[in-house]
C-alpha atoms as a PDB file:
ATOM      1  CA  MET A   1       4.534  -6.424  10.934  1.00  0.00           C
ATOM      2  CA  THR A   2       7.392  -7.994  12.309  1.00  0.00           C
ATOM      3  CA  ALA A   3       9.831  -5.223  11.361  1.00  0.00           C
ATOM      4  CA  ARG A   4       8.198  -3.438  14.065  1.00  0.00           C
ATOM      5  CA  PHE A   5       9.201  -0.061  11.934  1.00  0.00           C
ATOM      6  CA  LEU A   6      12.839  -0.361  12.878  1.00  0.00           C
ATOM      7  CA  LEU A   7      14.241   1.142   9.354  1.00  0.00           C
ATOM      8  CA  PRO A   8      17.002   2.245   8.550  1.00  0.00           C
ATOM      9  CA  PHE A   9      16.825   5.516   7.997  1.00  0.00           C
ATOM     10  CA  LEU A  10      15.259   9.125   8.396  1.00  0.00           C
ATOM     11  CA  LEU A  11      12.275   9.218   9.939  1.00  0.00           C
ATOM     12  CA  ILE A  12       9.457  11.309  10.190  1.00  0.00           C
ATOM     13  CA  SER A  13       5.767  11.708  11.683  1.00  0.00           C
ATOM     14  CA  VAL A  14       3.880  13.427   9.522  1.00  0.00           C
ATOM     15  CA  PRO A  15       0.652  13.640   7.909  1.00  0.00           C
ATOM     16  CA  ALA A  16       0.486  12.296   4.180  1.00  0.00           C
ATOM     17  CA  GLN A  17      -0.512  15.225   2.700  1.00  0.00           C
ATOM     18  CA  ALA A  18       2.513  17.266   3.146  1.00  0.00           C
ATOM     19  CA  ALA A  19       4.919  14.493   2.874  1.00  0.00           C
ATOM     20  CA  ALA A  20       5.966  13.983  -0.762  1.00  0.00           C
ATOM     21  CA  PRO A  21       5.083  10.323  -3.134  1.00  0.00           C
ATOM     22  CA  ALA A  22       5.541   7.386  -1.925  1.00  0.00           C
ATOM     23  CA  ASP A  23       8.518   5.297  -3.387  1.00  0.00           C
ATOM     24  CA  CYS A  24       6.541   2.262  -4.680  1.00  0.00           C
ATOM     25  CA  ALA A  25       8.981  -0.201  -5.272  1.00  0.00           C
ATOM     26  CA  GLY A  26      10.416   0.277  -1.445  1.00  0.00           C
ATOM     27  CA  LEU A  27       9.775  -0.505   2.471  1.00  0.00           C
ATOM     28  CA  MET A  28       6.146  -0.261   3.117  1.00  0.00           C
ATOM     29  CA  LEU A  29       5.087  -1.656   6.059  1.00  0.00           C
ATOM     30  CA  ALA A  30       1.550  -1.398   8.174  1.00  0.00           C
ATOM     31  CA  GLY A  31      -0.715  -2.830  10.575  1.00  0.00           C
ATOM     32  CA  MET A  32      -3.083  -1.545  13.464  1.00  0.00           C
ATOM     33  CA  GLN A  33      -1.697   1.364  15.063  1.00  0.00           C
ATOM     34  CA  ARG A  34       0.631   2.855  11.994  1.00  0.00           C
ATOM     35  CA  ALA A  35       1.515   2.476   8.302  1.00  0.00           C
ATOM     36  CA  SER A  36       5.089   3.669   6.894  1.00  0.00           C
ATOM     37  CA  TYR A  37       6.716   3.968   4.170  1.00  0.00           C
ATOM     38  CA  ARG A  38       9.137   5.730   1.905  1.00  0.00           C
ATOM     39  CA  THR A  39       9.381   8.487   0.066  1.00  0.00           C
ATOM     40  CA  GLN A  40      10.896   9.243  -3.651  1.00  0.00           C
ATOM     41  CA  ALA A  41      14.144  10.193  -3.827  1.00  0.00           C
ATOM     42  CA  ALA A  42      14.148  13.703  -5.094  1.00  0.00           C
ATOM     43  CA  PHE A  43      17.659  15.904  -5.584  1.00  0.00           C
ATOM     44  CA  PRO A  44      18.706  17.538  -3.185  1.00  0.00           C
ATOM     45  CA  ALA A  45      16.565  15.310  -0.711  1.00  0.00           C
ATOM     46  CA  GLU A  46      17.754  12.508   0.486  1.00  0.00           C
ATOM     47  CA  PRO A  47      14.339   9.911   0.838  1.00  0.00           C
ATOM     48  CA  GLU A  48      12.794   9.875   4.027  1.00  0.00           C
ATOM     49  CA  THR A  49      10.375   7.936   6.246  1.00  0.00           C
ATOM     50  CA  VAL A  50       6.723   8.466   6.899  1.00  0.00           C
ATOM     51  CA  ASN A  51       5.442   7.377   9.741  1.00  0.00           C
ATOM     52  CA  VAL A  52       1.058   7.933   9.959  1.00  0.00           C
ATOM     53  CA  GLU A  53      -0.709   7.594  13.101  1.00  0.00           C
ATOM     54  CA  PHE A  54      -3.616   6.413  12.788  1.00  0.00           C
ATOM     55  CA  PHE A  55      -5.103   6.858  16.674  1.00  0.00           C
ATOM     56  CA  SER A  56      -3.269   9.421  17.635  1.00  0.00           C
ATOM     57  CA  GLY A  57      -5.884  11.605  19.085  1.00  0.00           C
ATOM     58  CA  GLY A  58      -5.616  13.798  17.013  1.00  0.00           C
ATOM     59  CA  PRO A  59      -8.966  13.831  13.892  1.00  0.00           C
ATOM     60  CA  ALA A  60      -9.057  10.352  12.142  1.00  0.00           C
ATOM     61  CA  ARG A  61      -8.379  10.978   8.431  1.00  0.00           C
ATOM     62  CA  LEU A  62      -8.123   8.779   5.569  1.00  0.00           C
ATOM     63  CA  THR A  63      -4.266   7.703   4.469  1.00  0.00           C
ATOM     64  CA  ALA A  64      -3.837   6.645   1.151  1.00  0.00           C
ATOM     65  CA  PHE A  65      -0.319   5.933  -0.775  1.00  0.00           C
ATOM     66  CA  CYS A  66       0.446   3.059  -3.253  1.00  0.00           C
ATOM     67  CA  GLY A  67      -3.131   2.019  -4.510  1.00  0.00           C
ATOM     68  CA  PHE A  68      -3.976   1.474  -0.214  1.00  0.00           C
ATOM     69  CA  VAL A  69      -5.838   3.339   1.625  1.00  0.00           C
ATOM     70  CA  PHE A  70      -6.131   3.657   5.052  1.00  0.00           C
ATOM     71  CA  LYS A  71      -9.774   4.133   6.457  1.00  0.00           C
ATOM     72  CA  PRO A  72      -8.940   4.987  10.752  1.00  0.00           C
ATOM     73  CA  ASP A  73     -12.568   4.648  12.412  1.00  0.00           C
ATOM     74  CA  PRO A  74     -11.779   6.106  16.172  1.00  0.00           C
ATOM     75  CA  LYS A  75     -15.297   5.268  17.627  1.00  0.00           C
ATOM     76  CA  ALA A  76     -15.705   2.346  16.526  1.00  0.00           C
ATOM     77  CA  ARG A  77     -12.031   1.551  16.757  1.00  0.00           C
ATOM     78  CA  THR A  78     -11.299  -0.253  13.891  1.00  0.00           C
ATOM     79  CA  LEU A  79      -9.005   0.131  10.572  1.00  0.00           C
ATOM     80  CA  THR A  80     -10.228  -0.705   7.174  1.00  0.00           C
ATOM     81  CA  VAL A  81      -7.445  -1.387   4.345  1.00  0.00           C
ATOM     82  CA  THR A  82      -8.395  -1.519   0.918  1.00  0.00           C
ATOM     83  CA  ALA A  83      -6.331  -2.590  -2.202  1.00  0.00           C
ATOM     84  CA  ARG A  84      -6.726  -2.779  -5.730  1.00  0.00           C
ATOM     85  CA  GLN A  85      -6.798  -6.522  -5.535  1.00  0.00           C
ATOM     86  CA  PHE A  86      -6.101  -8.722  -2.250  1.00  0.00           C
ATOM     87  CA  SER A  87      -2.655 -10.121  -3.115  1.00  0.00           C
ATOM     88  CA  ALA A  88      -1.483  -6.946  -3.498  1.00  0.00           C
ATOM     89  CA  PHE A  89      -1.697  -6.600   1.217  1.00  0.00           C
ATOM     90  CA  ALA A  90       1.186  -8.944   1.205  1.00  0.00           C
ATOM     91  CA  ASN A  91       3.358  -5.953  -0.375  1.00  0.00           C
ATOM     92  CA  VAL A  92       1.965  -4.224   2.934  1.00  0.00           C
ATOM     93  CA  PHE A  93       1.663  -6.412   5.773  1.00  0.00           C
ATOM     94  CA  ARG A  94       4.979  -7.908   5.246  1.00  0.00           C
ATOM     95  CA  ASP A  95       7.237 -10.403   6.341  1.00  0.00           C
ATOM     96  CA  GLY A  96       9.990  -8.353   7.717  1.00  0.00           C
ATOM     97  CA  TYR A  97      11.506  -6.006   5.243  1.00  0.00           C
ATOM     98  CA  ARG A  98      10.024  -8.827   2.115  1.00  0.00           C
ATOM     99  CA  ASN A  99       7.533  -9.145   0.019  1.00  0.00           C
ATOM    100  CA  THR A 100       7.313 -13.052   0.481  1.00  0.00           C
ATOM    101  CA  GLY A 101       3.405 -13.827  -1.218  1.00  0.00           C
ATOM    102  CA  ARG A 102       2.358 -14.111   2.306  1.00  0.00           C
ATOM    103  CA  ILE A 103      -0.197 -11.200   4.706  1.00  0.00           C
ATOM    104  CA  VAL A 104       1.833 -10.977   8.287  1.00  0.00           C
ATOM    105  CA  LEU A 105      -0.749  -9.405  10.929  1.00  0.00           C
ATOM    106  CA  GLU A 106       1.673  -8.339  13.821  1.00  0.00           C
ATOM    107  CA  ASN A 107      -0.478  -8.247  16.668  1.00  0.00           C
ATOM    108  CA  ARG A 108       1.513  -7.431  19.993  1.00  0.00           C
ATOM    109  CA  SER A 109      -0.073  -8.251  23.739  1.00  0.00           C
ATOM    110  CA  TYR A 110       1.007  -5.931  26.376  1.00  0.00           C
ATOM    111  CA  GLY A 111       0.713  -8.058  29.942  1.00  0.00           C
ATOM    112  CA  ALA A 112       3.130  -8.438  32.237  1.00  0.00           C
ATOM    113  CA  VAL A 113       5.915  -8.867  29.633  1.00  0.00           C
ATOM    114  CA  PRO A 114       4.972  -7.629  26.282  1.00  0.00           C
ATOM    115  CA  HIS A 115       5.575  -9.706  23.205  1.00  0.00           C
ATOM    116  CA  ALA A 116       4.594  -9.927  19.677  1.00  0.00           C
ATOM    117  CA  SER A 117       3.486 -12.920  17.808  1.00  0.00           C
ATOM    118  CA  ASN A 118       2.116 -13.166  13.261  1.00  0.00           C
ATOM    119  CA  VAL A 119      -1.014 -14.414  12.145  1.00  0.00           C
ATOM    120  CA  VAL A 120       0.054 -15.457   9.092  1.00  0.00           C
ATOM    121  CA  PHE A 121      -1.793 -15.867   5.988  1.00  0.00           C
ATOM    122  CA  ASP A 122       0.304 -17.484   2.663  1.00  0.00           C
ATOM    123  CA  LEU A 123      -1.616 -16.706  -0.017  1.00  0.00           C
ATOM    124  CA  ALA A 124       0.401 -19.772  -2.367  1.00  0.00           C
ATOM    125  CA  GLU A 125      -0.765 -22.624  -0.363  1.00  0.00           C
ATOM    126  CA  ARG A 126      -3.433 -20.811   0.787  1.00  0.00           C
ATOM    127  CA  GLN A 127      -2.960 -21.918   4.282  1.00  0.00           C
ATOM    128  CA  LEU A 128      -2.954 -19.605   7.547  1.00  0.00           C
ATOM    129  CA  THR A 129      -0.998 -20.276  10.715  1.00  0.00           C
ATOM    130  CA  PHE A 130       0.426 -18.855  13.992  1.00  0.00           C
ATOM    131  CA  ASP A 131       3.658 -17.742  14.407  1.00  0.00           C
ATOM    132  CA  ALA A 132       4.300 -17.272  18.162  1.00  0.00           C
ATOM    133  CA  ALA A 133       8.019 -14.798  17.547  1.00  0.00           C
ATOM    134  CA  GLY A 134       9.797 -16.328  19.771  1.00  0.00           C
ATOM    135  CA  LEU A 135       9.412 -16.463  23.645  1.00  0.00           C
ATOM    136  CA  PRO A 136       8.152 -15.865  26.282  1.00  0.00           C
ATOM    137  CA  VAL A 137       4.912 -17.927  24.355  1.00  0.00           C
ATOM    138  CA  MET A 138       2.023 -15.791  25.570  1.00  0.00           C
ATOM    139  CA  PRO A 139      -1.508 -18.397  26.764  1.00  0.00           C
ATOM    140  CA  LEU A 140      -3.059 -16.771  23.420  1.00  0.00           C
ATOM    141  CA  THR A 141      -6.807 -18.620  21.845  1.00  0.00           C
ATOM    142  CA  VAL A 142      -7.096 -17.451  18.616  1.00  0.00           C
ATOM    143  CA  GLY A 143      -9.788 -19.183  16.214  1.00  0.00           C
ATOM    144  CA  VAL A 144     -10.495 -18.597  12.269  1.00  0.00           C
ATOM    145  CA  SER A 145     -14.149 -18.631  11.275  1.00  0.00           C
ATOM    146  CA  VAL A 146     -14.100 -19.138   6.578  1.00  0.00           C
ATOM    147  CA  ASP A 147     -16.950 -17.647   5.087  1.00  0.00           C
ATOM    148  CA  GLY A 148     -19.189 -17.122   8.688  1.00  0.00           C
ATOM    149  CA  GLY A 149     -18.461 -21.566   8.952  1.00  0.00           C
ATOM    150  CA  PRO A 150     -17.292 -23.203  12.220  1.00  0.00           C
ATOM    151  CA  LEU A 151     -14.798 -21.755  14.413  1.00  0.00           C
ATOM    152  CA  LYS A 152     -11.429 -23.944  14.577  1.00  0.00           C
ATOM    153  CA  ALA A 153      -8.399 -23.290  16.236  1.00  0.00           C
ATOM    154  CA  LEU A 154      -5.426 -21.712  15.119  1.00  0.00           C
ATOM    155  CA  PHE A 155      -4.114 -21.858  18.393  1.00  0.00           C
ATOM    156  CA  TYR A 156      -4.734 -22.952  21.796  1.00  0.00           C
ATOM    157  CA  ARG A 157      -3.052 -24.056  24.925  1.00  0.00           C
ATOM    158  CA  ASN A 158       0.354 -23.348  22.984  1.00  0.00           C
ATOM    159  CA  THR A 159      -0.524 -25.607  19.718  1.00  0.00           C
ATOM    160  CA  ALA A 160      -0.505 -24.200  16.392  1.00  0.00           C
ATOM    161  CA  THR A 161      -2.674 -25.869  14.137  1.00  0.00           C
ATOM    162  CA  PRO A 162      -2.625 -24.399  10.669  1.00  0.00           C
ATOM    163  CA  GLN A 163      -5.922 -24.014   8.754  1.00  0.00           C
ATOM    164  CA  ARG A 164      -6.721 -24.344   5.109  1.00  0.00           C
ATOM    165  CA  VAL A 165      -8.592 -21.334   3.182  1.00  0.00           C
ATOM    166  CA  PRO A 166     -10.001 -22.673  -0.085  1.00  0.00           C
ATOM    167  CA  LYS A 167     -10.104 -20.746  -2.989  1.00  0.00           C
ATOM    168  CA  THR A 168     -13.383 -20.041  -3.352  1.00  0.00           C
ATOM    169  CA  ALA A 169     -13.437 -18.102   0.261  1.00  0.00           C
ATOM    170  CA  ARG A 170     -14.827 -14.959   0.607  1.00  0.00           C
ATOM    171  CA  SER A 171     -14.035 -13.953   3.429  1.00  0.00           C
ATOM    172  CA  VAL A 172     -12.154 -15.244   6.525  1.00  0.00           C
ATOM    173  CA  ASP A 173     -12.147 -13.846  10.430  1.00  0.00           C
ATOM    174  CA  ILE A 174      -9.447 -14.338  12.749  1.00  0.00           C
ATOM    175  CA  TYR A 175     -10.374 -14.295  16.244  1.00  0.00           C
ATOM    176  CA  VAL A 176      -7.744 -13.313  18.887  1.00  0.00           C
ATOM    177  CA  LYS A 177      -8.397 -13.845  22.938  1.00  0.00           C
ATOM    178  CA  ALA A 178      -5.859 -12.816  25.935  1.00  0.00           C
ATOM    179  CA  PRO A 179      -5.408 -13.563  29.606  1.00  0.00           C
ATOM    180  CA  GLY A 180      -7.371 -11.628  31.749  1.00  0.00           C
ATOM    181  CA  GLY A 181      -4.625  -8.277  32.013  1.00  0.00           C
ATOM    182  CA  THR A 182      -3.750  -8.470  28.888  1.00  0.00           C
ATOM    183  CA  THR A 183      -4.170  -6.029  25.827  1.00  0.00           C
ATOM    184  CA  LEU A 184      -3.811  -6.866  22.638  1.00  0.00           C
ATOM    185  CA  ASP A 185      -3.734  -4.410  19.315  1.00  0.00           C
ATOM    186  CA  TRP A 186      -6.541  -6.285  18.027  1.00  0.00           C
ATOM    187  CA  GLN A 187      -8.962  -9.314  18.834  1.00  0.00           C
ATOM    188  CA  ARG A 188     -10.346  -9.787  15.108  1.00  0.00           C
ATOM    189  CA  VAL A 189      -9.120  -9.053  11.651  1.00  0.00           C
ATOM    190  CA  ARG A 190     -11.446  -9.562   9.219  1.00  0.00           C
ATOM    191  CA  PHE A 191     -10.439 -10.182   5.337  1.00  0.00           C
ATOM    192  CA  ASP A 192     -13.198  -9.785   2.805  1.00  0.00           C
ATOM    193  CA  ILE A 193     -11.197 -11.495  -0.103  1.00  0.00           C
ATOM    194  CA  GLN A 194     -13.827  -9.843  -2.856  1.00  0.00           C
ATOM    195  CA  LYS A 195     -13.826  -6.522  -1.633  1.00  0.00           C
ATOM    196  CA  SER A 196      -9.721  -6.640  -1.466  1.00  0.00           C
ATOM    197  CA  THR A 197     -10.270  -5.237   2.192  1.00  0.00           C
ATOM    198  CA  VAL A 198      -9.237  -6.077   5.897  1.00  0.00           C
ATOM    199  CA  THR A 199     -10.445  -4.433   8.885  1.00  0.00           C
ATOM    200  CA  PHE A 200      -8.770  -4.659  12.077  1.00  0.00           C
ATOM    201  CA  TYR A 201     -11.609  -4.409  15.745  1.00  0.00           C
ATOM    202  CA  ARG A 202      -9.517  -3.370  18.399  1.00  0.00           C
ATOM    203  CA  SER A 203     -11.903  -5.047  20.565  1.00  0.00           C
ATOM    204  CA  ALA A 204     -14.749  -7.498  19.402  1.00  0.00           C
ATOM    205  CA  ALA A 205     -16.246 -10.675  21.511  1.00  0.00           C
ATOM    206  CA  PHE A 206     -14.260 -13.939  20.819  1.00  0.00           C
ATOM    207  CA  PRO A 207     -17.092 -16.087  19.258  1.00  0.00           C
ATOM    208  CA  ARG A 208     -18.552 -20.032  20.948  1.00  0.00           C
ATOM    209  CA  ARG A 209     -18.010 -22.311  18.637  1.00  0.00           C
END
């Protein structure tokens, strides 16, 4: 979520049930922590942007808009997002303010110098890449497993290695670990391509090869 919710219109944080209907042709952004969307214009009111916080300390609740369902589980520290079809995720996990046909998963690290990086799934090219998103580059280790297969390096020792995802793939697991003293928004993401779900895990063990 490279735009980081810096949206050029009024921001409000309210339960999704209390907000006006979403403008599904407008800007939508989502990540592990929150989802954001613009409401439909209804005379005489101006459109607003709704931020839905998933882990704000209140009771967990399903949030749904524009064919996406967000299900946070504070106890398991996971967020599962369901779509009508897997390609639709490129419209909510966006490359900045545009839908470029790529699923962009932002992961912020919190250490001495907070930083953001992105794991990018290009649906047309069937390729996963890692975007360090500026300097300084956080010394992360990022691995990918397709259909439960061997773990392959996506980012290791400051070197990014693109990984192909076959068209026949049913699932993709992405694992991230950081140096000691650094926390991350998420340590694992699972794409279930057949079920059209994306699940974020706040904490997860980094597997061996």
